[in-house]
Structures are given as structure tokens and as C-alpha cells.
Amino acid sequence: MDDSFVFLHLSLIDGIGPVAIHAIIEKKLDSLHELYQVTASDLVETFGFSYNKAHKIVLGLSNKLLLEQEVRALEQHQIGWLTILDENYPSLLKHIYMPPAVMYWQGTPLEVDESCIAVVGSRAMDWYGKKAIEQLIPSLVENGWTVVSGGAIGADSYAHRTTVEVGGKTIVVLGSGILCPYPFCNKQLFETVIEAGGTVISPFALHTVAHPGNFPARNRIIAGLSRGCIVIQAGLKSGASITAQFSLDQGRDVFAVPGPIDNKLSAGCHALIKEGAKLVHSAQDILEEYGQVDLKGNERQSGTNRAQKLVTDHISEQILTCCTNPTTLDELAEITGLSVSVLHERLFELQLQGVVCQQMGLWKRC
């Protein structure tokens, strides 16, 4: 049994987290197997642990069944795992503060230098957020990016699903153990991600149930795996905003999609933009940060400028005519005879293209 199994055993002990395991790593023992022979007093003296923590470690390592059951479940369910000392541990994640000592994965193995970008947003994402994801992800996939998100309902799920639909690779980071996926309603989505060549990962033991205290760790990993983080929609105090803050703390790029000023789901994105996040209205705004070109966007433009393309669209032309002067959504619906849902979708497309804008509830041509 090599040292990686000792790491796995340590990670299974209740109350022993990355801080304690990193303290052990820093001592550079000749072999981690030495830990099976030490006393609690030895651990206190060598690593500076409290006696309570040292006692937990000694007691946990004496429980061989704890490790045996986990290894048996890993083999039974074809779940892989790696430790921070493994050569194939993701390099970006390895360089964050206190990276997870053990990572579980199911599906395609994690790569050392994979080009990952996080896409996060509100669980209560609306049509605007969906449209933003549909606009951005195809171009990211076309340029070789792996989309990372947290598997939650709302923006996370839609980002994973959209990535799969356009033939891309996505990584789900769970806030629970892989054998207790949360939310359970997304179990089928997680299986679809794996079947499509993606990966489901977790820093938690296989049978760990979701708990509010798990999600900050999950969000740190989402940020840590990724070169940048795109926030689609987020409240001021939201998981997506927290993930973005982790990205900033880790020196990663942060991008935010602006939204209507009267929508509370825009507040988090607008706050991030004020703090220096890059405003995103197209995939090119993201790709140019990494020296890439929006190939999909170029195809959509097909050699013509935005205005020329819009003029050939009767509905868009009608909306643009109405927006010559500032106009409310209700007025647009009355004049054009279009439903509010159709107007929302079309106005969003025009807003992303920079030809209309909204101020104080009024739509007008830019």
C-alpha cells in the first residue's frame, strides 16, 4: 500500500481536513506509513496538533475498516481518486491556498493542464440568463474550453447541459460525495455528463451528504480549476458571487454579464463589474483575454455588419423602429402585437449586439 492510501485514510477521518493534512505533507516524512505507529503525543510534538485532533487521527488510522470500505466502494462504482502528490493532479488547483488533499472523480480522468473556465450563476436564473449561456458556451467549446460548474439547479445545470448539447466537455464539482449526488434531481444530468466524456468530481468521501458547510469548499474548487470565472446572473450575496470572489483571491480572471437594472439577479454582476470584473456582452470579450477569436461569432456575422443583419429580420426591424424614442415593454407589446416573452428574447439579442439598451425601464436604440 503506497502513501496515497494513507492520504485517503486521513481524509476519511471526521474533523481532519486540508490544514492538518498539509501540515503532515510539509514535514516530508520518509513514509506516511510512519503515522500508523505514532501516538497522539508524537503527533502533538511533531506537527503541533491539539491533543484532541491528534487523538482523532490515531483513532481514525487504527480503524482499518474505514479505509477498506471506501476502497471497496471506489472499485465497485468505478470511481477514481487522486491525491495532491499525484503527477496528474490539476496544476491550477494545486496552486491555490490549501488545495484538497484528495479528489474523487467519475468519468473522464482530470488533466494536469486542462483549459477550464467556470460558468456560474443563480439557481433562480431566468430567460435572460439562459440566453446568455446559449450565446457564450458554443464559442467557448469551439475554442477548446472545458466548462466547469457546480451541478446546482438553475445556471449551473443549464451550463452543463448546453455544453453537452454543443459537443463540449464539462466538469461537475459536487458539494457532496459522488455516491450521494446533490441535488438528486440532477442525477440523470450527471450521468449524461459522464456519458458525453465529461467528469463529476468531489473532494468529499463517497457517502458524504450535502451540507451548507460543504459548498464554500466546492466553490473554491470550481474557481481553482479554472483560468477564469464567468458570472451569468447573481444576487449580491450568492454562491456565484462567492465563487467569483474566490477566483479573484486566487488571481484568476472574472467576467460578468450585465443585466437589467431593475432585476435583482443583475445586482451581483454589476457589483463585480464595479470592482473590476470584465463586462461581457459576447464570447469574444472572454476569448480575447486568452488570445483567441470567436469563430462561432464570426460565422454568425457571415461577413455582414450587425445593422445589415438586423434589417433583414422583420421583427427586429419593427422593434428598432419602435425604439427610436424611449419605449416601455408594455408599449412595445401593444404596438408590435408581440408577446412579452418574444419581446424579452428579441430585446436581449439586440442588447447583446449593442443596438438597443435599457434605462429606467425604457428601451431605446443605442
Protein backbone atom coordinates (compact mmCIF):
# COMPACT_ATOMS: atom_id res chain seq x y z
CA MET A 1 0.00 0.00 0.00
CA ASP A 2 1.56 3.30 -1.09
CA ASP A 3 1.35 6.71 0.58
CA SER A 4 -1.70 7.75 -1.45
CA PHE A 5 -3.80 5.27 0.53
CA VAL A 6 -2.60 6.87 3.76
CA PHE A 7 -3.79 10.23 2.41
CA LEU A 8 -7.13 8.67 1.55
CA HIS A 9 -7.39 7.17 5.03
CA LEU A 10 -6.59 10.51 6.67
CA SER A 11 -9.20 12.31 4.56
CA LEU A 12 -11.88 9.89 5.79
CA ILE A 13 -11.35 10.79 9.45
CA ASP A 14 -14.06 13.11 10.72
CA GLY A 15 -12.68 16.56 11.57
CA ILE A 16 -9.39 16.10 9.71
CA GLY A 17 -9.24 18.45 6.75
CA PRO A 18 -6.72 20.00 4.35
CA VAL A 19 -4.99 22.08 7.04
CA ALA A 20 -3.98 19.03 9.08
CA ILE A 21 -3.04 17.01 6.01
CA HIS A 22 -0.91 19.84 4.60
CA ALA A 23 0.85 20.12 7.96
CA ILE A 24 1.77 16.45 7.59
CA ILE A 25 2.93 16.97 3.99
CA GLU A 26 5.22 19.84 4.99
CA LYS A 27 7.15 17.63 7.43
CA LYS A 28 8.21 15.41 4.49
CA LEU A 29 8.21 12.13 6.34
CA ASP A 30 10.20 9.31 4.76
CA SER A 31 6.95 7.38 4.54
CA LEU A 32 3.43 8.29 5.58
CA HIS A 33 3.12 4.74 6.89
CA GLU A 34 5.01 6.00 9.94
CA LEU A 35 1.71 7.57 11.01
CA TYR A 36 0.28 4.14 11.76
CA GLN A 37 2.85 3.65 14.51
CA VAL A 38 2.78 7.05 16.24
CA THR A 39 0.95 8.08 19.41
CA ALA A 40 -1.20 11.14 19.96
CA SER A 41 1.65 12.70 21.95
CA ASP A 42 4.01 12.14 19.00
CA LEU A 43 1.60 13.98 16.69
CA VAL A 44 1.28 16.88 19.13
CA GLU A 45 5.06 17.21 19.37
CA THR A 46 5.84 16.73 15.66
CA PHE A 47 3.01 18.62 13.99
CA GLY A 48 1.74 20.96 16.68
CA PHE A 49 -1.76 19.47 16.62
CA SER A 50 -4.06 19.84 19.59
CA TYR A 51 -4.28 16.68 21.65
CA ASN A 52 -7.93 16.28 20.61
CA LYS A 53 -7.04 16.37 16.91
CA ALA A 54 -4.05 14.07 17.42
CA HIS A 55 -6.26 11.58 19.25
CA LYS A 56 -8.78 11.65 16.37
CA ILE A 57 -6.01 10.87 13.88
CA VAL A 58 -4.65 7.95 15.91
CA LEU A 59 -8.14 6.56 16.44
CA GLY A 60 -9.10 7.01 12.79
CA LEU A 61 -5.94 5.38 11.43
CA SER A 62 -6.48 2.41 13.74
CA ASN A 63 -9.84 1.84 12.04
CA LYS A 64 -8.72 -0.20 9.02
CA LEU A 65 -12.33 -0.94 8.07
CA LEU A 66 -12.86 2.78 7.36
CA LEU A 67 -10.34 2.65 4.51
CA GLU A 68 -11.30 -0.82 3.30
CA GLN A 69 -14.97 0.13 2.86
CA GLU A 70 -14.11 3.26 0.90
CA VAL A 71 -11.69 1.41 -1.41
CA ARG A 72 -14.27 -1.32 -1.97
CA ALA A 73 -16.89 1.27 -2.95
CA LEU A 74 -14.43 3.01 -5.28
CA GLU A 75 -13.79 -0.25 -7.11
CA GLN A 76 -17.45 -1.27 -7.18
CA HIS A 77 -18.63 2.02 -8.69
CA GLN A 78 -15.58 2.60 -10.91
CA ILE A 79 -14.72 5.88 -9.24
CA GLY A 80 -11.18 7.19 -9.43
CA TRP A 81 -9.29 9.28 -6.90
CA LEU A 82 -6.05 11.18 -6.74
CA THR A 83 -4.03 13.00 -4.12
CA ILE A 84 -2.21 16.28 -4.23
CA LEU A 85 1.09 14.40 -4.55
CA ASP A 86 -0.02 12.65 -7.76
CA GLU A 87 1.55 13.85 -11.02
CA ASN A 88 -1.84 14.14 -12.73
CA TYR A 89 -3.36 16.43 -10.06
CA PRO A 90 -4.66 19.56 -11.89
CA SER A 91 -1.87 22.14 -11.79
CA LEU A 92 -4.06 25.22 -11.36
CA LEU A 93 -5.91 23.64 -8.45
CA LYS A 94 -2.67 22.53 -6.85
CA HIS A 95 -1.51 26.14 -6.54
CA ILE A 96 -4.46 27.56 -4.60
CA TYR A 97 -4.27 28.02 -0.85
CA MET A 98 -4.92 24.69 0.89
CA PRO A 99 -5.99 22.65 -2.15
CA PRO A 100 -8.00 19.49 -1.42
CA ALA A 101 -5.65 16.67 -0.45
CA VAL A 102 -7.86 14.06 -2.12
CA MET A 103 -10.15 14.39 -5.14
CA TYR A 104 -12.66 11.78 -6.26
CA TRP A 105 -13.68 11.62 -9.91
CA GLN A 106 -16.03 9.66 -12.14
CA GLY A 107 -15.96 9.76 -15.92
CA THR A 108 -13.03 11.08 -17.94
CA PRO A 109 -9.85 11.49 -15.84
CA LEU A 110 -8.85 15.03 -14.93
CA GLU A 111 -6.00 16.52 -16.95
CA VAL A 112 -2.99 18.30 -15.48
CA ASP A 113 -3.17 21.40 -17.67
CA GLU A 114 -6.74 21.42 -18.96
CA SER A 115 -8.11 24.76 -20.23
CA CYS A 116 -11.05 25.19 -17.88
CA ILE A 117 -13.42 28.10 -17.45
CA ALA A 118 -16.09 28.35 -14.77
CA VAL A 119 -19.66 29.33 -15.63
CA VAL A 120 -21.76 30.10 -12.56
CA GLY A 121 -24.99 31.88 -11.79
CA SER A 122 -28.22 31.95 -9.87
CA ARG A 123 -30.38 28.95 -9.04
CA ALA A 124 -33.30 31.24 -9.92
CA MET A 125 -31.87 32.06 -13.36
CA ASP A 126 -34.47 33.42 -15.80
CA TRP A 127 -34.77 33.56 -19.60
CA TYR A 128 -32.08 36.26 -19.75
CA GLY A 129 -29.52 34.01 -18.08
CA LYS A 130 -30.43 31.08 -20.33
CA LYS A 131 -29.95 33.22 -23.41
CA ALA A 132 -26.56 34.43 -22.17
CA ILE A 133 -25.39 30.85 -21.65
CA GLU A 134 -26.65 29.87 -25.10
CA GLN A 135 -24.76 32.82 -26.60
CA LEU A 136 -21.45 32.22 -24.82
CA ILE A 137 -20.85 28.50 -24.44
CA PRO A 138 -20.78 27.38 -28.12
CA SER A 139 -17.86 29.71 -28.84
CA LEU A 140 -16.02 28.66 -25.69
CA VAL A 141 -16.38 25.00 -26.66
CA GLU A 142 -15.30 25.76 -30.23
CA ASN A 143 -12.09 27.23 -28.80
CA GLY A 144 -11.33 24.16 -26.70
CA TRP A 145 -12.53 25.26 -23.27
CA THR A 146 -13.84 22.82 -20.68
CA VAL A 147 -16.80 24.30 -18.79
CA VAL A 148 -16.73 23.90 -15.00
CA SER A 149 -19.73 24.45 -12.75
CA GLY A 150 -21.34 23.22 -9.55
CA GLY A 151 -24.18 20.99 -10.72
CA ALA A 152 -26.88 23.04 -8.96
CA ILE A 153 -30.28 23.75 -10.43
CA GLY A 154 -30.52 26.92 -12.50
CA ALA A 155 -27.44 28.38 -14.19
CA ASP A 156 -25.09 25.51 -13.27
CA SER A 157 -27.34 22.84 -14.77
CA TYR A 158 -28.02 24.88 -17.88
CA ALA A 159 -24.30 25.47 -18.42
CA HIS A 160 -23.55 21.73 -18.12
CA ARG A 161 -26.45 20.77 -20.38
CA THR A 162 -25.67 23.38 -23.03
CA THR A 163 -22.02 22.31 -23.12
CA VAL A 164 -23.02 18.68 -23.70
CA GLU A 165 -25.52 19.68 -26.40
CA VAL A 166 -22.86 21.51 -28.42
CA GLY A 167 -20.39 18.64 -28.09
CA GLY A 168 -18.14 20.11 -25.40
CA LYS A 169 -16.65 18.75 -22.20
CA THR A 170 -17.91 19.83 -18.81
CA ILE A 171 -16.83 19.16 -15.21
CA VAL A 172 -19.37 18.99 -12.37
CA VAL A 173 -17.98 19.85 -8.93
CA LEU A 174 -20.22 18.43 -6.21
CA GLY A 175 -20.82 19.70 -2.69
CA SER A 176 -21.48 16.12 -1.62
CA GLY A 177 -19.95 12.69 -2.12
CA ILE A 178 -20.24 11.18 -5.60
CA LEU A 179 -22.50 8.39 -4.31
CA CYS A 180 -24.84 10.93 -2.67
CA PRO A 181 -25.15 13.43 -5.55
CA TYR A 182 -26.80 16.74 -4.77
CA PRO A 183 -29.21 17.87 -5.97
CA PHE A 184 -30.59 14.37 -6.52
CA CYS A 185 -32.94 15.69 -9.21
CA ASN A 186 -29.82 16.24 -11.37
CA LYS A 187 -28.58 12.65 -11.07
CA GLN A 188 -29.59 11.95 -14.67
CA LEU A 189 -27.77 15.10 -15.83
CA PHE A 190 -24.59 13.99 -14.05
CA GLU A 191 -24.82 10.59 -15.77
CA THR A 192 -25.31 12.35 -19.11
CA VAL A 193 -22.21 14.48 -18.47
CA ILE A 194 -20.15 11.34 -17.84
CA GLU A 195 -21.53 9.56 -20.92
CA ALA A 196 -20.64 12.61 -23.03
CA GLY A 197 -16.99 12.50 -21.96
CA GLY A 198 -17.20 14.86 -19.00
CA THR A 199 -16.32 14.37 -15.35
CA VAL A 200 -18.06 14.54 -11.98
CA ILE A 201 -15.66 15.35 -9.13
CA SER A 202 -15.81 15.86 -5.38
CA PRO A 203 -13.37 16.49 -2.52
CA PHE A 204 -15.73 14.66 -0.16
CA ALA A 205 -15.82 10.98 0.81
CA LEU A 206 -18.17 8.92 -1.35
CA HIS A 207 -21.15 8.78 1.02
CA THR A 208 -20.96 12.39 2.26
CA VAL A 209 -24.39 14.04 2.18
CA ALA A 210 -24.76 17.66 1.11
CA HIS A 211 -24.40 20.20 3.90
CA PRO A 212 -24.31 24.03 3.75
CA GLY A 213 -20.75 23.96 5.08
CA ASN A 214 -19.61 21.92 2.07
CA PHE A 215 -20.40 24.49 -0.58
CA PRO A 216 -17.65 27.05 0.09
CA ALA A 217 -15.14 24.22 -0.46
CA ARG A 218 -16.92 23.26 -3.66
CA ASN A 219 -16.87 26.88 -4.86
CA ARG A 220 -13.14 27.18 -4.12
CA ILE A 221 -12.51 24.15 -6.31
CA ILE A 222 -14.65 25.50 -9.17
CA ALA A 223 -12.57 28.68 -9.08
CA GLY A 224 -9.31 26.83 -8.51
CA LEU A 225 -9.69 24.54 -11.53
CA SER A 226 -10.45 27.43 -13.87
CA ARG A 227 -8.43 30.15 -15.55
CA GLY A 228 -11.44 32.42 -15.41
CA CYS A 229 -14.95 32.60 -13.96
CA ILE A 230 -18.00 33.85 -15.88
CA VAL A 231 -20.91 35.02 -13.73
CA ILE A 232 -24.19 34.93 -15.64
CA GLN A 233 -26.72 36.15 -13.07
CA ALA A 234 -26.20 36.56 -9.34
CA GLY A 235 -27.61 38.31 -6.33
CA LEU A 236 -25.33 40.41 -4.15
CA LYS A 237 -24.97 37.63 -1.58
CA SER A 238 -24.98 34.46 -3.63
CA GLY A 239 -22.92 31.35 -4.22
CA ALA A 240 -21.99 32.62 -7.68
CA SER A 241 -20.65 35.88 -6.23
CA ILE A 242 -18.70 33.90 -3.63
CA THR A 243 -17.17 31.74 -6.37
CA ALA A 244 -16.18 34.89 -8.24
CA GLN A 245 -14.55 36.24 -5.09
CA PHE A 246 -12.58 33.01 -4.72
CA SER A 247 -11.44 33.48 -8.33
CA LEU A 248 -10.24 37.00 -7.54
CA ASP A 249 -8.47 35.78 -4.41
CA GLN A 250 -6.72 33.11 -6.48
CA GLY A 251 -5.61 35.62 -9.12
CA ARG A 252 -7.96 34.32 -11.81
CA ASP A 253 -9.93 36.33 -14.37
CA VAL A 254 -13.52 37.26 -13.55
CA PHE A 255 -16.13 38.07 -16.17
CA ALA A 256 -19.69 39.24 -15.56
CA VAL A 257 -22.74 39.54 -17.81
CA PRO A 258 -24.63 42.79 -17.14
CA GLY A 259 -28.40 42.72 -16.90
CA PRO A 260 -31.47 44.93 -16.47
CA ILE A 261 -31.01 47.35 -13.60
CA ASP A 262 -34.44 46.50 -12.16
CA ASN A 263 -33.63 42.79 -11.87
CA LYS A 264 -32.18 41.69 -8.51
CA LEU A 265 -30.30 38.93 -10.35
CA SER A 266 -28.21 41.65 -12.01
CA ALA A 267 -27.00 43.12 -8.72
CA GLY A 268 -24.15 40.68 -8.15
CA CYS A 269 -22.84 41.01 -11.70
CA HIS A 270 -22.99 44.80 -11.60
CA ALA A 271 -21.14 44.85 -8.27
CA LEU A 272 -18.41 42.63 -9.73
CA ILE A 273 -18.08 44.90 -12.77
CA LYS A 274 -17.72 47.92 -10.48
CA GLU A 275 -14.95 46.05 -8.65
CA GLY A 276 -13.05 45.34 -11.86
CA ALA A 277 -14.60 42.25 -13.43
CA LYS A 278 -14.67 42.38 -17.22
CA LEU A 279 -18.08 43.20 -18.68
CA VAL A 280 -19.21 40.52 -21.13
CA HIS A 281 -21.65 41.06 -23.98
CA SER A 282 -20.20 38.40 -26.30
CA ALA A 283 -17.89 35.41 -26.19
CA GLN A 284 -15.20 37.50 -27.87
CA ASP A 285 -14.90 39.60 -24.69
CA ILE A 286 -13.76 36.43 -22.92
CA LEU A 287 -11.72 34.84 -25.68
CA GLU A 288 -9.64 37.94 -26.40
CA GLU A 289 -8.26 37.72 -22.86
CA TYR A 290 -6.61 34.47 -23.93
CA GLY A 291 -5.58 35.45 -27.44
CA GLN A 292 -8.44 33.59 -29.13
CA VAL A 293 -11.07 34.51 -31.72
CA ASP A 294 -14.82 33.94 -31.54
CA LEU A 295 -15.08 31.59 -34.52
CA LYS A 296 -18.76 30.93 -33.90
CA GLY A 297 -19.46 34.64 -33.67
CA ASN A 298 -17.68 35.26 -36.97
CA GLU A 299 -19.79 32.59 -38.62
CA ARG A 300 -22.95 34.17 -37.24
CA GLN A 301 -21.96 37.54 -38.64
CA SER A 302 -21.23 35.89 -42.03
CA GLY A 303 -19.45 38.87 -43.50
CA THR A 304 -22.09 41.49 -42.78
CA ASN A 305 -22.35 44.06 -40.02
CA ARG A 306 -24.90 43.92 -37.23
CA ALA A 307 -27.19 46.58 -38.57
CA GLN A 308 -27.39 44.97 -42.02
CA LYS A 309 -28.27 41.64 -40.46
CA LEU A 310 -30.94 43.17 -38.24
CA VAL A 311 -32.64 44.98 -41.08
CA THR A 312 -33.29 41.65 -42.81
CA ASP A 313 -35.21 40.48 -39.71
CA HIS A 314 -38.74 41.87 -39.82
CA ILE A 315 -39.42 41.50 -36.09
CA SER A 316 -36.12 43.11 -35.09
CA GLU A 317 -36.69 45.90 -37.60
CA GLN A 318 -40.11 46.53 -36.09
CA ILE A 319 -38.68 46.67 -32.57
CA LEU A 320 -35.85 49.00 -33.63
CA THR A 321 -38.34 51.35 -35.26
CA CYS A 322 -40.37 51.49 -32.05
CA CYS A 323 -37.22 52.12 -30.00
CA THR A 324 -36.28 55.27 -31.90
CA ASN A 325 -37.74 57.03 -28.87
CA PRO A 326 -37.57 55.56 -25.33
CA THR A 327 -40.37 52.99 -25.03
CA THR A 328 -41.66 50.72 -22.25
CA LEU A 329 -42.04 46.97 -22.71
CA ASP A 330 -45.83 47.26 -22.45
CA GLU A 331 -45.86 49.89 -25.19
CA LEU A 332 -43.71 47.68 -27.41
CA ALA A 333 -46.12 44.78 -26.88
CA GLU A 334 -49.11 46.97 -27.74
CA ILE A 335 -47.51 48.48 -30.87
CA THR A 336 -45.97 45.30 -32.28
CA GLY A 337 -48.60 42.81 -31.18
CA LEU A 338 -45.81 40.52 -29.94
CA SER A 339 -45.98 38.62 -26.66
CA VAL A 340 -43.86 39.81 -23.76
CA SER A 341 -41.83 36.57 -23.84
CA VAL A 342 -40.96 37.04 -27.53
CA LEU A 343 -40.07 40.67 -26.91
CA HIS A 344 -37.84 39.71 -23.97
CA GLU A 345 -35.93 37.24 -26.13
CA ARG A 346 -35.54 39.59 -29.09
CA LEU A 347 -34.59 42.60 -26.95
CA PHE A 348 -31.95 40.51 -25.20
CA GLU A 349 -30.41 39.53 -28.56
CA LEU A 350 -30.42 43.16 -29.69
CA GLN A 351 -28.94 44.28 -26.37
CA LEU A 352 -26.09 41.78 -26.65
CA GLN A 353 -25.39 43.09 -30.14
CA GLY A 354 -25.22 46.62 -28.80
CA VAL A 355 -28.04 48.15 -30.85
CA VAL A 356 -30.58 48.70 -28.06
CA CYS A 357 -30.19 49.49 -24.39
CA GLN A 358 -32.43 49.84 -21.36
CA GLN A 359 -32.51 52.75 -18.96
CA MET A 360 -35.01 53.18 -16.11
CA GLY A 361 -37.36 50.62 -17.65
CA LEU A 362 -37.31 52.28 -21.09
CA TRP A 363 -35.88 50.65 -24.22
CA LYS A 364 -34.19 52.73 -26.90
CA ARG A 365 -31.73 52.46 -29.77
CA CYS A 366 -28.12 52.98 -28.73
